[in-house]
Amino acid sequence: MERKNIAVIFGGTSSEYGVSIQSAAAVPVNFPKRYSAVPV
């Protein structure tokens, strides 16, 4: 089965920037293996 690409959009200019980066880093680790997470 071909893996589907999923865009992970993160960052921004808010005070929660660090939380966004940490959350984005957790996505590829915890997403089902049939998807490929691509950071944007």
PDB file of N, CA and C in Angstrom:
ATOM      1  N   MET A   1       0.838  -1.173   0.000  1.00  0.00           N
ATOM      2  CA  MET A   1       0.000   0.000   0.000  1.00  0.00           C
ATOM      3  C   MET A   1       0.889   1.243   0.000  1.00  0.00           C
ATOM      4  N   GLU A   2       0.531   2.218  -0.830  1.00  0.00           N
ATOM      5  CA  GLU A   2       1.289   3.458  -0.917  1.00  0.00           C
ATOM      6  C   GLU A   2       0.989   4.357   0.281  1.00  0.00           C
ATOM      7  N   ARG A   3       2.043   4.949   0.845  1.00  0.00           N
ATOM      8  CA  ARG A   3       1.858   5.860   1.990  1.00  0.00           C
ATOM      9  C   ARG A   3       1.339   7.200   1.493  1.00  0.00           C
ATOM     10  N   LYS A   4       0.412   7.776   2.223  1.00  0.00           N
ATOM     11  CA  LYS A   4      -0.127   9.088   1.893  1.00  0.00           C
ATOM     12  C   LYS A   4       0.648  10.152   2.656  1.00  0.00           C
ATOM     13  N   ASN A   5       0.917  11.263   1.994  1.00  0.00           N
ATOM     14  CA  ASN A   5       1.611  12.384   2.627  1.00  0.00           C
ATOM     15  C   ASN A   5       0.604  13.259   3.357  1.00  0.00           C
ATOM     16  N   ILE A   6       0.954  13.652   4.563  1.00  0.00           N
ATOM     17  CA  ILE A   6       0.148  14.554   5.378  1.00  0.00           C
ATOM     18  C   ILE A   6       1.025  15.755   5.734  1.00  0.00           C
ATOM     19  N   ALA A   7       0.543  16.971   5.445  1.00  0.00           N
ATOM     20  CA  ALA A   7       1.293  18.186   5.787  1.00  0.00           C
ATOM     21  C   ALA A   7       1.077  18.509   7.259  1.00  0.00           C
ATOM     22  N   VAL A   8       2.161  18.757   7.966  1.00  0.00           N
ATOM     23  CA  VAL A   8       2.105  19.180   9.368  1.00  0.00           C
ATOM     24  C   VAL A   8       2.517  20.652   9.403  1.00  0.00           C
ATOM     25  N   ILE A   9       1.527  21.532   9.584  1.00  0.00           N
ATOM     26  CA  ILE A   9       1.776  22.965   9.593  1.00  0.00           C
ATOM     27  C   ILE A   9       2.001  23.401  11.040  1.00  0.00           C
ATOM     28  N   PHE A  10       3.109  24.083  11.278  1.00  0.00           N
ATOM     29  CA  PHE A  10       3.446  24.473  12.647  1.00  0.00           C
ATOM     30  C   PHE A  10       4.212  25.779  12.645  1.00  0.00           C
ATOM     31  N   GLY A  11       4.449  26.332  13.810  1.00  0.00           N
ATOM     32  CA  GLY A  11       5.211  27.563  13.947  1.00  0.00           C
ATOM     33  C   GLY A  11       4.286  28.744  14.152  1.00  0.00           C
ATOM     34  N   GLY A  12       4.668  29.873  13.636  1.00  0.00           N
ATOM     35  CA  GLY A  12       3.873  31.083  13.769  1.00  0.00           C
ATOM     36  C   GLY A  12       4.591  32.120  14.620  1.00  0.00           C
ATOM     37  N   THR A  13       3.892  33.186  14.915  1.00  0.00           N
ATOM     38  CA  THR A  13       4.517  34.292  15.639  1.00  0.00           C
ATOM     39  C   THR A  13       3.926  34.500  17.032  1.00  0.00           C
ATOM     40  N   SER A  14       3.238  33.522  17.555  1.00  0.00           N
ATOM     41  CA  SER A  14       2.617  33.686  18.872  1.00  0.00           C
ATOM     42  C   SER A  14       3.588  33.306  19.995  1.00  0.00           C
ATOM     43  N   SER A  15       3.151  33.546  21.201  1.00  0.00           N
ATOM     44  CA  SER A  15       3.960  33.177  22.367  1.00  0.00           C
ATOM     45  C   SER A  15       3.996  31.665  22.561  1.00  0.00           C
ATOM     46  N   GLU A  16       3.155  30.942  21.852  1.00  0.00           N
ATOM     47  CA  GLU A  16       3.091  29.476  21.952  1.00  0.00           C
ATOM     48  C   GLU A  16       3.953  28.779  20.899  1.00  0.00           C
ATOM     49  N   TYR A  17       4.900  29.493  20.327  1.00  0.00           N
ATOM     50  CA  TYR A  17       5.754  28.945  19.273  1.00  0.00           C
ATOM     51  C   TYR A  17       6.458  27.657  19.713  1.00  0.00           C
ATOM     52  N   GLY A  18       7.022  27.653  20.893  1.00  0.00           N
ATOM     53  CA  GLY A  18       7.736  26.472  21.402  1.00  0.00           C
ATOM     54  C   GLY A  18       6.837  25.261  21.530  1.00  0.00           C
ATOM     55  N   VAL A  19       5.613  25.478  21.970  1.00  0.00           N
ATOM     56  CA  VAL A  19       4.649  24.382  22.091  1.00  0.00           C
ATOM     57  C   VAL A  19       4.302  23.829  20.712  1.00  0.00           C
ATOM     58  N   SER A  20       4.163  24.717  19.736  1.00  0.00           N
ATOM     59  CA  SER A  20       3.865  24.300  18.374  1.00  0.00           C
ATOM     60  C   SER A  20       4.972  23.405  17.819  1.00  0.00           C
ATOM     61  N   ILE A  21       6.210  23.771  18.063  1.00  0.00           N
ATOM     62  CA  ILE A  21       7.356  22.979  17.586  1.00  0.00           C
ATOM     63  C   ILE A  21       7.366  21.604  18.255  1.00  0.00           C
ATOM     64  N   GLN A  22       7.128  21.560  19.540  1.00  0.00           N
ATOM     65  CA  GLN A  22       7.104  20.282  20.258  1.00  0.00           C
ATOM     66  C   GLN A  22       5.967  19.394  19.765  1.00  0.00           C
ATOM     67  N   SER A  23       4.812  19.974  19.547  1.00  0.00           N
ATOM     68  CA  SER A  23       3.668  19.210  19.053  1.00  0.00           C
ATOM     69  C   SER A  23       3.943  18.662  17.654  1.00  0.00           C
ATOM     70  N   ALA A  24       4.523  19.507  16.797  1.00  0.00           N
ATOM     71  CA  ALA A  24       4.836  19.078  15.434  1.00  0.00           C
ATOM     72  C   ALA A  24       5.842  17.936  15.426  1.00  0.00           C
ATOM     73  N   ALA A  25       6.789  17.947  16.346  1.00  0.00           N
ATOM     74  CA  ALA A  25       7.790  16.875  16.419  1.00  0.00           C
ATOM     75  C   ALA A  25       7.163  15.552  16.835  1.00  0.00           C
ATOM     76  N   ALA A  26       6.067  15.605  17.580  1.00  0.00           N
ATOM     77  CA  ALA A  26       5.417  14.385  18.060  1.00  0.00           C
ATOM     78  C   ALA A  26       4.533  13.724  16.996  1.00  0.00           C
ATOM     79  N   VAL A  27       4.132  14.484  15.988  1.00  0.00           N
ATOM     80  CA  VAL A  27       3.198  13.947  14.985  1.00  0.00           C
ATOM     81  C   VAL A  27       3.763  12.744  14.237  1.00  0.00           C
ATOM     82  N   PRO A  28       4.957  12.832  13.616  1.00  0.00           N
ATOM     83  CA  PRO A  28       5.443  11.678  12.850  1.00  0.00           C
ATOM     84  C   PRO A  28       5.632  10.426  13.704  1.00  0.00           C
ATOM     85  N   VAL A  29       5.948  10.605  14.959  1.00  0.00           N
ATOM     86  CA  VAL A  29       6.187   9.471  15.861  1.00  0.00           C
ATOM     87  C   VAL A  29       4.877   8.753  16.190  1.00  0.00           C
ATOM     88  N   ASN A  30       3.799   9.509  16.323  1.00  0.00           N
ATOM     89  CA  ASN A  30       2.538   8.947  16.795  1.00  0.00           C
ATOM     90  C   ASN A  30       1.480   8.749  15.718  1.00  0.00           C
ATOM     91  N   PHE A  31       1.750   9.164  14.498  1.00  0.00           N
ATOM     92  CA  PHE A  31       0.774   9.019  13.414  1.00  0.00           C
ATOM     93  C   PHE A  31       0.812   7.590  12.890  1.00  0.00           C
ATOM     94  N   PRO A  32      -0.282   7.071  12.378  1.00  0.00           N
ATOM     95  CA  PRO A  32      -0.264   5.714  11.804  1.00  0.00           C
ATOM     96  C   PRO A  32       0.796   5.616  10.696  1.00  0.00           C
ATOM     97  N   LYS A  33       1.436   4.481  10.595  1.00  0.00           N
ATOM     98  CA  LYS A  33       2.556   4.294   9.666  1.00  0.00           C
ATOM     99  C   LYS A  33       2.120   4.329   8.201  1.00  0.00           C
ATOM    100  N   ARG A  34       0.813   4.292   7.922  1.00  0.00           N
ATOM    101  CA  ARG A  34       0.371   4.352   6.522  1.00  0.00           C
ATOM    102  C   ARG A  34       0.437   5.779   5.974  1.00  0.00           C
ATOM    103  N   TYR A  35       0.805   6.754   6.832  1.00  0.00           N
ATOM    104  CA  TYR A  35       0.957   8.150   6.441  1.00  0.00           C
ATOM    105  C   TYR A  35       2.402   8.586   6.604  1.00  0.00           C
ATOM    106  N   SER A  36       2.794   9.523   5.766  1.00  0.00           N
ATOM    107  CA  SER A  36       4.111  10.128   5.874  1.00  0.00           C
ATOM    108  C   SER A  36       3.910  11.600   6.200  1.00  0.00           C
ATOM    109  N   ALA A  37       4.318  12.027   7.393  1.00  0.00           N
ATOM    110  CA  ALA A  37       4.137  13.403   7.829  1.00  0.00           C
ATOM    111  C   ALA A  37       5.244  14.277   7.243  1.00  0.00           C
ATOM    112  N   VAL A  38       4.846  15.362   6.577  1.00  0.00           N
ATOM    113  CA  VAL A  38       5.781  16.277   5.953  1.00  0.00           C
ATOM    114  C   VAL A  38       5.700  17.621   6.672  1.00  0.00           C
ATOM    115  N   PRO A  39       6.773  18.072   7.326  1.00  0.00           N
ATOM    116  CA  PRO A  39       6.724  19.361   8.020  1.00  0.00           C
ATOM    117  C   PRO A  39       6.659  20.530   7.050  1.00  0.00           C
ATOM    118  N   VAL A  40       5.805  21.498   7.379  1.00  0.00           N
ATOM    119  CA  VAL A  40       5.654  22.700   6.545  1.00  0.00           C
ATOM    120  C   VAL A  40       5.844  23.909   7.419  1.00  0.00           C
TER     121      VAL A  40
END
